[in-house]
Amino acid sequence: MLVGCSVQSARAKEVMAPVAVPGRASLTVREVNDAQQAWCDSLFKIAKTYASGGDYKTVATEVLSNQYNYDNGTVLFKPTLTFGDQTFRLDKEGAAAYFIGGNPNIPTIPALL
C-alpha cells in the first residue's frame, strides 16, 4: 500500500512487533509509520507552499520545531548529500539553511556534477 511517500507492506506489520526496552514505553509499528508519514507530509507541505508562492520559510521553520524538536536542544541531523564541516546540522539555523537556503553563514550543498 502506498502511503504518502512511504511504502508499507502487510507482511511488515505481521513480522515487526514492538521491542520492549526496560524503563521505556514500547513503540508500535503503527506509531513509527505514523511518525514517518507526518514527516513526509511536512516535507510535501514545504514544497507545495514554495510552489504556490507562499511563505515556505515559515512553514519550514515550523517543521523543524514540530518534526525535529530543535526547540528543545541539539539534534543530530545529517541531511542527504552533506559532507565535511556541514555534515551534521546540530541547530535549527543549520537545518533551516539545508531546507530553505539563504543563510550566508552556512554554505549550501554544492551541486553534484
N, C-alpha and C. Protein backbone atom coordinates (compact mmCIF):
# COMPACT_ATOMS: atom_id res chain seq x y z
N MET A 1 0.85 -1.17 0.00
CA MET A 1 0.00 0.00 0.00
C MET A 1 0.89 1.23 0.00
N LEU A 2 0.64 2.18 -0.89
CA LEU A 2 1.39 3.41 -0.95
C LEU A 2 0.74 4.42 -0.03
N VAL A 3 1.51 4.93 0.91
CA VAL A 3 1.01 5.92 1.86
C VAL A 3 1.92 7.13 1.77
N GLY A 4 1.43 8.23 1.19
CA GLY A 4 2.27 9.41 1.05
C GLY A 4 3.55 9.09 0.32
N CYS A 5 4.69 9.22 1.00
CA CYS A 5 5.96 8.91 0.35
C CYS A 5 6.59 7.65 0.93
N SER A 6 5.81 6.84 1.59
CA SER A 6 6.36 5.60 2.12
C SER A 6 5.55 4.41 1.63
N VAL A 7 6.23 3.30 1.50
CA VAL A 7 5.56 2.07 1.09
C VAL A 7 5.58 1.12 2.28
N GLN A 8 4.46 0.56 2.58
CA GLN A 8 4.34 -0.29 3.75
C GLN A 8 3.69 -1.60 3.32
N SER A 9 4.28 -2.72 3.67
CA SER A 9 3.71 -4.00 3.31
C SER A 9 2.91 -4.57 4.47
N ALA A 10 1.91 -5.36 4.13
CA ALA A 10 1.12 -6.01 5.17
C ALA A 10 2.00 -6.99 5.95
N ARG A 11 2.94 -7.63 5.26
CA ARG A 11 3.84 -8.60 5.91
C ARG A 11 4.70 -7.91 6.97
N ALA A 12 5.16 -6.69 6.70
CA ALA A 12 5.99 -5.97 7.67
C ALA A 12 5.25 -5.76 8.97
N LYS A 13 3.95 -5.50 8.89
CA LYS A 13 3.15 -5.32 10.10
C LYS A 13 3.11 -6.59 10.92
N GLU A 14 3.02 -7.73 10.23
CA GLU A 14 2.93 -9.01 10.93
C GLU A 14 4.24 -9.39 11.59
N VAL A 15 5.35 -9.14 10.91
CA VAL A 15 6.66 -9.59 11.38
C VAL A 15 7.21 -8.70 12.48
N MET A 16 7.00 -7.41 12.37
CA MET A 16 7.61 -6.47 13.30
C MET A 16 6.72 -6.25 14.52
N ALA A 17 7.19 -6.69 15.64
CA ALA A 17 6.48 -6.48 16.89
C ALA A 17 7.23 -5.42 17.69
N PRO A 18 6.55 -4.73 18.58
CA PRO A 18 7.25 -3.75 19.41
C PRO A 18 8.35 -4.41 20.23
N VAL A 19 9.45 -3.71 20.38
CA VAL A 19 10.57 -4.21 21.17
C VAL A 19 10.51 -3.53 22.53
N ALA A 20 10.48 -4.33 23.58
CA ALA A 20 10.41 -3.78 24.93
C ALA A 20 11.80 -3.35 25.39
N VAL A 21 11.90 -2.13 25.88
CA VAL A 21 13.13 -1.62 26.46
C VAL A 21 12.80 -1.29 27.91
N PRO A 22 13.54 -1.89 28.86
CA PRO A 22 13.25 -1.64 30.26
C PRO A 22 13.24 -0.15 30.58
N GLY A 23 12.20 0.31 31.26
CA GLY A 23 12.10 1.70 31.66
C GLY A 23 11.54 2.63 30.60
N ARG A 24 11.21 2.11 29.43
CA ARG A 24 10.67 2.93 28.35
C ARG A 24 9.44 2.27 27.76
N ALA A 25 8.53 3.10 27.31
CA ALA A 25 7.35 2.57 26.64
C ALA A 25 7.74 2.06 25.27
N SER A 26 7.14 0.99 24.83
CA SER A 26 7.42 0.41 23.52
C SER A 26 6.73 1.21 22.42
N LEU A 27 7.39 1.32 21.29
CA LEU A 27 6.78 1.92 20.12
C LEU A 27 6.19 0.81 19.27
N THR A 28 5.05 1.07 18.72
CA THR A 28 4.44 0.10 17.83
C THR A 28 4.84 0.44 16.39
N VAL A 29 4.68 -0.51 15.51
CA VAL A 29 4.94 -0.29 14.10
C VAL A 29 4.03 0.83 13.60
N ARG A 30 2.81 0.85 14.05
CA ARG A 30 1.86 1.90 13.65
C ARG A 30 2.37 3.28 14.06
N GLU A 31 2.89 3.41 15.27
CA GLU A 31 3.41 4.71 15.73
C GLU A 31 4.61 5.16 14.90
N VAL A 32 5.48 4.23 14.55
CA VAL A 32 6.62 4.56 13.71
C VAL A 32 6.14 4.99 12.33
N ASN A 33 5.23 4.23 11.75
CA ASN A 33 4.69 4.58 10.43
C ASN A 33 3.98 5.93 10.46
N ASP A 34 3.22 6.19 11.50
CA ASP A 34 2.52 7.47 11.63
C ASP A 34 3.52 8.63 11.72
N ALA A 35 4.61 8.43 12.47
CA ALA A 35 5.63 9.47 12.58
C ALA A 35 6.31 9.71 11.24
N GLN A 36 6.61 8.64 10.53
CA GLN A 36 7.22 8.79 9.21
C GLN A 36 6.28 9.49 8.24
N GLN A 37 5.00 9.16 8.31
CA GLN A 37 4.04 9.80 7.42
C GLN A 37 3.88 11.28 7.75
N ALA A 38 3.88 11.62 9.03
CA ALA A 38 3.78 13.03 9.43
C ALA A 38 4.99 13.81 8.92
N TRP A 39 6.18 13.20 9.00
CA TRP A 39 7.39 13.83 8.50
C TRP A 39 7.29 14.04 6.99
N CYS A 40 6.87 13.03 6.29
CA CYS A 40 6.72 13.11 4.84
C CYS A 40 5.71 14.18 4.45
N ASP A 41 4.59 14.19 5.12
CA ASP A 41 3.56 15.20 4.84
C ASP A 41 4.10 16.61 5.07
N SER A 42 4.95 16.77 6.09
CA SER A 42 5.54 18.07 6.39
C SER A 42 6.45 18.53 5.26
N LEU A 43 7.24 17.61 4.72
CA LEU A 43 8.13 17.97 3.61
C LEU A 43 7.33 18.35 2.37
N PHE A 44 6.25 17.63 2.11
CA PHE A 44 5.39 17.98 0.99
C PHE A 44 4.75 19.35 1.20
N LYS A 45 4.42 19.66 2.44
CA LYS A 45 3.82 20.96 2.74
C LYS A 45 4.78 22.10 2.42
N ILE A 46 6.07 21.91 2.75
CA ILE A 46 7.07 22.92 2.41
C ILE A 46 7.12 23.10 0.90
N ALA A 47 7.20 22.00 0.17
CA ALA A 47 7.31 22.06 -1.29
C ALA A 47 6.07 22.68 -1.93
N LYS A 48 4.89 22.30 -1.45
CA LYS A 48 3.65 22.86 -2.00
C LYS A 48 3.54 24.36 -1.72
N THR A 49 3.95 24.76 -0.53
CA THR A 49 3.90 26.18 -0.18
C THR A 49 4.87 26.97 -1.05
N TYR A 50 6.05 26.43 -1.27
CA TYR A 50 7.03 27.08 -2.14
C TYR A 50 6.48 27.19 -3.57
N ALA A 51 5.93 26.10 -4.09
CA ALA A 51 5.42 26.06 -5.46
C ALA A 51 4.27 27.04 -5.67
N SER A 52 3.50 27.28 -4.63
CA SER A 52 2.35 28.19 -4.76
C SER A 52 2.72 29.64 -4.44
N GLY A 53 4.00 29.89 -4.16
CA GLY A 53 4.43 31.25 -3.87
C GLY A 53 4.17 31.69 -2.44
N GLY A 54 3.88 30.74 -1.57
CA GLY A 54 3.59 31.07 -0.18
C GLY A 54 4.84 31.22 0.67
N ASP A 55 4.65 31.44 1.95
CA ASP A 55 5.74 31.66 2.90
C ASP A 55 6.32 30.32 3.34
N TYR A 56 7.09 29.71 2.45
CA TYR A 56 7.66 28.39 2.71
C TYR A 56 8.71 28.43 3.82
N LYS A 57 9.34 29.58 4.05
CA LYS A 57 10.35 29.67 5.10
C LYS A 57 9.72 29.50 6.48
N THR A 58 8.55 30.10 6.67
CA THR A 58 7.84 29.94 7.94
C THR A 58 7.38 28.49 8.10
N VAL A 59 6.88 27.91 7.03
CA VAL A 59 6.44 26.51 7.08
C VAL A 59 7.62 25.61 7.44
N ALA A 60 8.77 25.83 6.81
CA ALA A 60 9.95 25.01 7.09
C ALA A 60 10.39 25.17 8.54
N THR A 61 10.34 26.37 9.07
CA THR A 61 10.71 26.60 10.46
C THR A 61 9.76 25.86 11.40
N GLU A 62 8.48 25.85 11.07
CA GLU A 62 7.50 25.10 11.87
C GLU A 62 7.79 23.60 11.81
N VAL A 63 8.17 23.10 10.65
CA VAL A 63 8.51 21.69 10.51
C VAL A 63 9.70 21.35 11.39
N LEU A 64 10.70 22.23 11.41
CA LEU A 64 11.87 21.97 12.25
C LEU A 64 11.50 21.93 13.73
N SER A 65 10.52 22.72 14.12
CA SER A 65 10.06 22.69 15.51
C SER A 65 9.24 21.44 15.79
N ASN A 66 8.34 21.11 14.88
CA ASN A 66 7.39 20.02 15.13
C ASN A 66 7.94 18.63 14.83
N GLN A 67 8.74 18.49 13.81
CA GLN A 67 9.21 17.17 13.40
C GLN A 67 10.63 16.85 13.87
N TYR A 68 11.43 17.87 14.13
CA TYR A 68 12.82 17.64 14.52
C TYR A 68 13.12 18.00 15.96
N ASN A 69 12.26 18.77 16.60
CA ASN A 69 12.38 19.11 18.02
C ASN A 69 13.59 19.98 18.35
N TYR A 70 14.02 20.82 17.42
CA TYR A 70 15.14 21.71 17.66
C TYR A 70 14.89 22.68 18.80
N ASP A 71 13.65 23.00 19.10
CA ASP A 71 13.36 23.96 20.16
C ASP A 71 13.72 23.44 21.55
N ASN A 72 13.97 22.14 21.66
CA ASN A 72 14.29 21.57 22.97
C ASN A 72 15.74 21.10 23.10
N GLY A 73 16.60 21.53 22.18
CA GLY A 73 18.01 21.18 22.31
C GLY A 73 18.66 20.78 21.01
N THR A 74 19.83 20.18 21.13
CA THR A 74 20.62 19.77 19.98
C THR A 74 19.99 18.55 19.32
N VAL A 75 20.01 18.56 17.99
CA VAL A 75 19.51 17.43 17.21
C VAL A 75 20.65 16.95 16.32
N LEU A 76 20.87 15.68 16.23
CA LEU A 76 21.90 15.12 15.36
C LEU A 76 21.24 14.80 14.02
N PHE A 77 21.21 15.81 13.15
CA PHE A 77 20.54 15.71 11.85
C PHE A 77 21.59 15.71 10.75
N LYS A 78 21.59 14.67 9.93
CA LYS A 78 22.51 14.59 8.80
C LYS A 78 21.70 14.61 7.51
N PRO A 79 21.69 15.77 6.87
CA PRO A 79 20.97 15.85 5.60
C PRO A 79 21.63 15.00 4.52
N THR A 80 20.85 14.64 3.55
CA THR A 80 21.36 13.92 2.39
C THR A 80 22.38 14.80 1.68
N LEU A 81 23.42 14.19 1.17
CA LEU A 81 24.45 14.86 0.36
C LEU A 81 25.26 15.91 1.10
N THR A 82 25.40 15.79 2.40
CA THR A 82 26.26 16.72 3.14
C THR A 82 27.58 16.03 3.45
N PHE A 83 28.61 16.85 3.65
CA PHE A 83 29.93 16.30 3.93
C PHE A 83 30.77 17.35 4.64
N GLY A 84 31.91 16.93 5.18
CA GLY A 84 32.83 17.85 5.83
C GLY A 84 32.22 18.58 7.01
N ASP A 85 32.53 19.88 7.12
CA ASP A 85 32.06 20.68 8.24
C ASP A 85 30.55 20.81 8.29
N GLN A 86 29.90 20.61 7.17
CA GLN A 86 28.44 20.78 7.14
C GLN A 86 27.69 19.45 7.23
N THR A 87 28.38 18.37 7.58
CA THR A 87 27.73 17.06 7.59
C THR A 87 26.51 17.04 8.51
N PHE A 88 26.67 17.45 9.76
CA PHE A 88 25.56 17.43 10.70
C PHE A 88 25.06 18.84 10.96
N ARG A 89 23.76 18.98 11.04
CA ARG A 89 23.13 20.26 11.34
C ARG A 89 22.58 20.16 12.76
N LEU A 90 23.34 20.64 13.72
CA LEU A 90 23.02 20.46 15.13
C LEU A 90 22.02 21.47 15.68
N ASP A 91 21.82 22.57 14.96
CA ASP A 91 20.88 23.57 15.46
C ASP A 91 19.86 23.92 14.37
N LYS A 92 18.84 24.62 14.80
CA LYS A 92 17.73 24.95 13.91
C LYS A 92 18.19 25.82 12.73
N GLU A 93 19.13 26.72 12.99
CA GLU A 93 19.64 27.60 11.93
C GLU A 93 20.31 26.79 10.83
N GLY A 94 21.11 25.80 11.21
CA GLY A 94 21.77 24.95 10.23
C GLY A 94 20.80 24.10 9.44
N ALA A 95 19.81 23.57 10.13
CA ALA A 95 18.81 22.75 9.45
C ALA A 95 17.97 23.60 8.50
N ALA A 96 17.63 24.81 8.93
CA ALA A 96 16.85 25.71 8.07
C ALA A 96 17.64 26.04 6.81
N ALA A 97 18.95 26.23 6.94
CA ALA A 97 19.79 26.51 5.78
C ALA A 97 19.74 25.36 4.78
N TYR A 98 19.64 24.15 5.29
CA TYR A 98 19.54 22.98 4.40
C TYR A 98 18.20 22.98 3.66
N PHE A 99 17.12 23.23 4.38
CA PHE A 99 15.79 23.15 3.78
C PHE A 99 15.45 24.35 2.90
N ILE A 100 15.87 25.55 3.31
CA ILE A 100 15.42 26.73 2.59
C ILE A 100 16.55 27.61 2.08
N GLY A 101 17.80 27.35 2.48
CA GLY A 101 18.93 28.12 1.99
C GLY A 101 18.88 29.56 2.46
N GLY A 102 19.66 30.40 1.77
CA GLY A 102 19.63 31.82 2.04
C GLY A 102 20.38 32.29 3.27
N ASN A 103 21.19 31.43 3.88
CA ASN A 103 21.95 31.83 5.06
C ASN A 103 23.42 31.94 4.66
N PRO A 104 23.96 33.17 4.59
CA PRO A 104 25.35 33.34 4.14
C PRO A 104 26.38 32.74 5.10
N ASN A 105 25.99 32.46 6.34
CA ASN A 105 26.91 31.88 7.31
C ASN A 105 27.02 30.37 7.20
N ILE A 106 26.12 29.76 6.46
CA ILE A 106 26.11 28.31 6.32
C ILE A 106 26.12 27.97 4.84
N PRO A 107 27.19 27.34 4.37
CA PRO A 107 27.30 27.06 2.94
C PRO A 107 26.20 26.10 2.47
N THR A 108 25.77 26.34 1.25
CA THR A 108 24.80 25.43 0.65
C THR A 108 25.53 24.22 0.11
N ILE A 109 24.81 23.18 -0.12
CA ILE A 109 25.40 21.95 -0.63
C ILE A 109 25.70 22.15 -2.11
N PRO A 110 26.95 21.94 -2.52
CA PRO A 110 27.28 22.13 -3.93
C PRO A 110 26.56 21.12 -4.82
N ALA A 111 26.23 21.53 -6.00
CA ALA A 111 25.57 20.64 -6.95
C ALA A 111 26.54 19.52 -7.34
N LEU A 112 26.01 18.35 -7.49
CA LEU A 112 26.82 17.23 -7.95
C LEU A 112 26.99 17.33 -9.46
N LEU A 113 28.18 17.11 -9.94
CA LEU A 113 28.44 17.17 -11.38
C LEU A 113 28.30 15.82 -12.01
